[in-house]
């Protein structure tokens, strides 16, 4: 989404839609998202797509208009990505991100004094590798992303019958990993098979909490879970027969 906002004619939507792009005057719910030919747009409300680590992408492009029928089912723009592939040399990588709440500035008290008790912390460790199974013909790439997220949002002040004066809030946590792989097989120089798999399945836990005037948690209740994402499979064949005839066939779930 951040890369799409760099393209001409693209602006951010309202925060109610998560600030995702609006393209060419269309709404935030009219875009389509693709990875290696698979439509990964959120099918429930069409605002956004599957959550894929940035390190999994090889290319990202924003199509603002005039795109072919291959990129259908949208009246806005297209955010089209391809994933990394292995090459003739084995390569290994590790990337880590850590955003501790202790290094974040507290929100000012101009709106709600209890906003200063909000917390947000995340960490990622990403392992990836790629290389040849058969040089010049068969390649593999894999990525595993350990993830840990915690967000605490404190609301307006109230008086709880059991705990007295304080504020209600929520703590949202998730720690499911992302993992994916891609296999490329060059049957000949003109015919190519690709298979991509990735899992973005997550379970997000939400716990309602109650804090006192000092921000100390003194009660919790009504935990709930929200499951989203899942397994994604993409198979693709591309063949160049002549200078004027190319065949491309794709199937994805």
Protein backbone atom coordinates (compact mmCIF):
# COMPACT_ATOMS: atom_id res chain seq x y z
CA UNK A 1 0.00 0.00 0.00
CA UNK A 2 2.81 2.42 0.83
CA UNK A 3 4.44 1.79 -2.55
CA UNK A 4 1.12 2.23 -4.37
CA UNK A 5 0.73 5.68 -2.81
CA UNK A 6 3.87 6.79 -4.69
CA UNK A 7 2.11 6.39 -8.06
CA UNK A 8 0.39 9.40 -9.74
CA UNK A 9 -3.37 9.51 -9.22
CA UNK A 10 -3.25 7.47 -6.01
CA UNK A 11 -4.33 8.83 -2.63
CA UNK A 12 -4.89 7.31 0.80
CA UNK A 13 -8.43 6.46 1.84
CA UNK A 14 -10.07 7.46 5.10
CA UNK A 15 -8.70 5.91 8.28
CA UNK A 16 -11.96 3.95 8.59
CA UNK A 17 -10.71 1.90 5.60
CA UNK A 18 -7.19 1.62 7.01
CA UNK A 19 -5.69 4.29 4.76
CA UNK A 20 -5.44 1.85 1.83
CA UNK A 21 -5.09 3.37 -1.65
CA UNK A 22 -7.86 4.87 -3.73
CA UNK A 23 -6.85 4.87 -7.39
CA UNK A 24 -8.13 7.08 -10.19
CA UNK A 25 -11.04 8.39 -8.12
CA UNK A 26 -12.45 4.94 -7.28
CA UNK A 27 -13.21 3.91 -3.73
CA UNK A 28 -10.87 1.91 -1.48
CA UNK A 29 -13.04 -1.17 -2.04
CA UNK A 30 -12.67 -1.29 -5.83
CA UNK A 31 -9.01 -2.32 -6.15
CA UNK A 32 -7.71 -5.83 -6.79
CA UNK A 33 -4.53 -7.40 -5.43
CA UNK A 34 -2.52 -10.16 -7.13
CA UNK A 35 0.50 -12.33 -6.31
CA UNK A 36 1.92 -14.44 -9.16
CA UNK A 37 -1.48 -14.27 -10.85
CA UNK A 38 -3.57 -15.21 -7.79
CA UNK A 39 -6.22 -12.74 -6.67
CA UNK A 40 -5.57 -12.20 -2.92
CA UNK A 41 -8.12 -9.39 -2.43
CA UNK A 42 -10.13 -9.64 0.81
CA UNK A 43 -13.31 -11.28 -0.47
CA UNK A 44 -15.45 -10.21 2.51
CA UNK A 45 -15.32 -6.44 2.02
CA UNK A 46 -12.66 -5.95 -0.72
CA UNK A 47 -10.70 -3.42 1.37
CA UNK A 48 -7.14 -4.70 1.19
CA UNK A 49 -5.58 -8.11 0.73
CA UNK A 50 -3.71 -10.98 2.36
CA UNK A 51 -0.88 -9.91 4.64
CA UNK A 52 2.41 -10.88 2.99
CA UNK A 53 5.90 -9.97 4.35
CA UNK A 54 7.68 -7.37 2.27
CA UNK A 55 10.71 -9.68 1.99
CA UNK A 56 8.59 -12.25 0.09
CA UNK A 57 8.10 -9.89 -2.86
CA UNK A 58 10.39 -9.64 -5.88
CA UNK A 59 8.44 -6.91 -7.73
CA UNK A 60 5.46 -4.69 -6.96
CA UNK A 61 3.63 -2.57 -9.52
CA UNK A 62 0.59 -0.29 -9.38
CA UNK A 63 -1.70 -0.34 -12.41
CA UNK A 64 -3.85 2.78 -12.40
CA UNK A 65 -5.73 2.10 -15.65
CA UNK A 66 -5.61 0.51 -19.07
CA UNK A 67 -4.70 -2.90 -17.68
CA UNK A 68 -5.52 -6.14 -19.49
CA UNK A 69 -8.35 -8.57 -18.78
CA UNK A 70 -5.87 -10.76 -16.90
CA UNK A 71 -6.29 -8.32 -14.01
CA UNK A 72 -10.07 -8.24 -13.77
CA UNK A 73 -12.71 -8.04 -11.04
CA UNK A 74 -12.02 -4.45 -10.11
CA UNK A 75 -13.04 -0.97 -11.18
CA UNK A 76 -10.20 0.81 -9.40
CA UNK A 77 -6.52 -0.04 -9.72
CA UNK A 78 -4.46 -3.19 -9.53
CA UNK A 79 -1.62 -3.87 -7.09
CA UNK A 80 0.33 -6.67 -8.74
CA UNK A 81 3.21 -8.49 -7.07
CA UNK A 82 5.56 -11.33 -7.90
CA UNK A 83 7.48 -13.32 -5.31
CA UNK A 84 11.18 -14.08 -5.14
CA UNK A 85 12.67 -17.10 -6.89
CA UNK A 86 15.85 -19.09 -6.47
CA UNK A 87 18.80 -18.67 -8.84
CA UNK A 88 21.96 -20.50 -9.85
CA UNK A 89 23.73 -19.54 -6.61
CA UNK A 90 22.60 -20.58 -3.14
CA UNK A 91 21.75 -17.57 -0.98
CA UNK A 92 20.64 -17.35 2.64
CA UNK A 93 19.35 -14.38 4.59
CA UNK A 94 18.09 -13.32 7.99
CA UNK A 95 16.23 -10.09 8.74
CA UNK A 96 14.96 -8.90 12.11
CA UNK A 97 12.67 -6.04 13.13
CA UNK A 98 11.84 -5.05 16.68
CA UNK A 99 9.58 -2.16 17.65
CA UNK A 100 9.37 -1.98 21.46
CA UNK A 101 6.71 0.10 23.16
CA UNK A 102 9.37 1.46 25.53
CA UNK A 103 10.96 3.41 22.67
CA UNK A 104 7.67 4.90 21.44
CA UNK A 105 6.45 8.31 22.56
CA UNK A 106 3.15 8.34 24.46
CA UNK A 107 0.19 10.05 22.83
CA UNK A 108 -0.50 13.56 24.17
CA UNK A 109 -3.36 14.10 26.60
CA UNK A 110 -5.13 16.65 24.39
CA UNK A 111 -7.86 14.17 23.39
CA UNK A 112 -7.99 11.53 26.13
CA UNK A 113 -5.67 11.55 29.12
CA UNK A 114 -5.70 7.76 29.23
CA UNK A 115 -4.29 7.51 25.67
CA UNK A 116 -0.85 7.59 27.28
CA UNK A 117 -1.53 4.06 28.52
CA UNK A 118 -1.90 2.72 24.95
CA UNK A 119 0.79 0.23 23.95
CA UNK A 120 2.05 -1.18 20.67
CA UNK A 121 4.89 -3.68 20.29
CA UNK A 122 5.95 -5.97 17.46
CA UNK A 123 8.85 -8.19 16.47
CA UNK A 124 9.75 -10.13 13.33
CA UNK A 125 12.53 -12.56 12.49
CA UNK A 126 12.63 -13.59 8.83
CA UNK A 127 14.69 -16.49 7.47
CA UNK A 128 14.96 -17.05 3.72
CA UNK A 129 16.95 -19.16 1.30
CA UNK A 130 17.10 -19.80 -2.43
CA UNK A 131 19.14 -21.74 -4.93
CA UNK A 132 19.31 -24.39 -7.66
CA UNK A 133 18.12 -27.97 -7.43
CA UNK A 134 19.27 -28.42 -11.02
CA UNK A 135 21.40 -25.58 -12.36
CA UNK A 136 19.76 -23.53 -15.11
CA UNK A 137 16.55 -25.59 -14.84
CA UNK A 138 15.06 -26.16 -11.38
CA UNK A 139 15.12 -23.58 -8.58
CA UNK A 140 13.61 -23.23 -5.11
CA UNK A 141 13.04 -20.31 -2.73
CA UNK A 142 11.67 -20.44 0.81
CA UNK A 143 10.84 -17.92 3.56
CA UNK A 144 9.75 -18.26 7.20
CA UNK A 145 8.64 -15.21 9.20
CA UNK A 146 8.34 -15.46 13.00
CA UNK A 147 5.86 -12.75 14.11
CA UNK A 148 4.71 -11.39 17.47
CA UNK A 149 2.21 -8.51 17.87
CA UNK A 150 0.62 -6.84 20.90
CA UNK A 151 -1.56 -3.73 20.94
CA UNK A 152 -3.33 -2.19 23.94
CA UNK A 153 -5.95 0.50 23.37
CA UNK A 154 -7.48 2.29 26.37
CA UNK A 155 -10.86 3.96 25.96
CA UNK A 156 -12.86 6.57 27.84
CA UNK A 157 -13.03 6.77 31.63
CA UNK A 158 -15.89 5.07 33.44
CA UNK A 159 -16.88 3.61 36.80
CA UNK A 160 -16.99 -0.18 36.93
CA UNK A 161 -19.30 -1.72 39.56
CA UNK A 162 -16.60 -4.22 40.54
CA UNK A 163 -13.39 -2.17 40.15
CA UNK A 164 -14.47 1.44 40.66
CA UNK A 165 -13.21 4.38 38.54
CA UNK A 166 -10.91 3.63 35.62
CA UNK A 167 -11.00 2.93 31.88
CA UNK A 168 -12.06 0.08 29.65
CA UNK A 169 -9.69 -1.10 26.95
CA UNK A 170 -8.63 -3.97 24.74
CA UNK A 171 -5.45 -6.00 24.36
CA UNK A 172 -5.00 -7.59 20.93
CA UNK A 173 -2.27 -10.21 20.40
CA UNK A 174 -1.18 -12.54 17.60
CA UNK A 175 1.96 -14.64 17.12
CA UNK A 176 1.32 -16.93 14.15
CA UNK A 177 4.18 -17.17 11.61
CA UNK A 178 4.06 -16.56 7.87
CA UNK A 179 5.78 -19.05 5.57
CA UNK A 180 5.99 -19.57 1.85
CA UNK A 181 7.94 -21.19 -0.95
CA UNK A 182 8.31 -21.01 -4.73
CA UNK A 183 9.56 -23.63 -7.20
CA UNK A 184 10.52 -22.71 -10.78
CA UNK A 185 11.10 -25.31 -13.49
CA UNK A 186 12.44 -24.25 -16.88
CA UNK A 187 11.41 -27.17 -19.07
CA UNK A 188 13.20 -25.46 -21.96
CA UNK A 189 14.31 -21.88 -22.48
CA UNK A 190 10.82 -21.12 -23.85
CA UNK A 191 8.61 -23.09 -21.45
CA UNK A 192 8.36 -22.47 -17.71
CA UNK A 193 6.41 -23.97 -14.81
CA UNK A 194 6.00 -22.17 -11.48
CA UNK A 195 4.43 -23.28 -8.23
CA UNK A 196 3.95 -20.93 -5.28
CA UNK A 197 2.62 -21.71 -1.80
CA UNK A 198 2.25 -19.46 1.22
CA UNK A 199 0.26 -19.43 4.45
CA UNK A 200 -0.92 -16.18 6.01
CA UNK A 201 -3.22 -17.87 8.54
CA UNK A 202 -3.47 -16.01 11.84
CA UNK A 203 -5.46 -16.20 15.05
CA UNK A 204 -5.94 -12.81 16.67
CA UNK A 205 -6.88 -12.81 20.36
CA UNK A 206 -8.75 -9.87 21.87
CA UNK A 207 -9.08 -9.41 25.62
CA UNK A 208 -11.22 -6.70 27.17
CA UNK A 209 -9.40 -5.14 30.11
CA UNK A 210 -10.02 -2.56 32.83
CA UNK A 211 -7.27 -0.25 34.10
CA UNK A 212 -7.16 2.15 37.03
CA UNK A 213 -6.21 5.83 36.86
CA UNK A 214 -2.51 4.89 36.90
CA UNK A 215 -2.85 2.54 33.93
CA UNK A 216 -2.51 -0.65 35.97
CA UNK A 217 -4.61 -3.57 34.72
CA UNK A 218 -6.94 -4.65 37.50
CA UNK A 219 -9.41 -6.80 35.60
CA UNK A 220 -10.03 -8.67 32.36
CA UNK A 221 -13.07 -10.31 30.81
CA UNK A 222 -14.75 -11.54 27.62
CA UNK A 223 -11.78 -12.91 25.64
CA UNK A 224 -12.44 -13.62 21.98
CA UNK A 225 -10.52 -14.86 18.94
CA UNK A 226 -10.66 -13.92 15.27
CA UNK A 227 -9.22 -16.24 12.63
CA UNK A 228 -8.27 -15.06 9.15
CA UNK A 229 -6.00 -15.97 6.25
CA UNK A 230 -5.18 -19.50 5.17
CA UNK A 231 -3.26 -21.62 2.67
CA UNK A 232 -2.63 -20.20 -0.80
CA UNK A 233 -1.59 -22.25 -3.84
CA UNK A 234 -0.67 -20.94 -7.30
CA UNK A 235 0.37 -22.97 -10.34
CA UNK A 236 1.41 -21.26 -13.56
CA UNK A 237 2.65 -22.30 -16.99
CA UNK A 238 4.14 -19.91 -19.54
CA UNK A 239 5.14 -21.01 -23.03
CA UNK A 240 6.61 -19.06 -25.94
CA UNK A 241 5.77 -20.88 -29.18
CA UNK A 242 6.66 -18.29 -31.80
CA UNK A 243 7.44 -14.58 -31.96
CA UNK A 244 3.69 -13.92 -32.10
CA UNK A 245 2.20 -16.67 -29.90
CA UNK A 246 2.59 -17.01 -26.12
CA UNK A 247 0.49 -19.20 -23.83
CA UNK A 248 -0.07 -18.43 -20.15
CA UNK A 249 -2.16 -20.68 -17.91
CA UNK A 250 -2.64 -20.17 -14.18
CA UNK A 251 -4.63 -21.83 -11.42
CA UNK A 252 -4.81 -20.71 -7.81
CA UNK A 253 -6.73 -21.26 -4.57
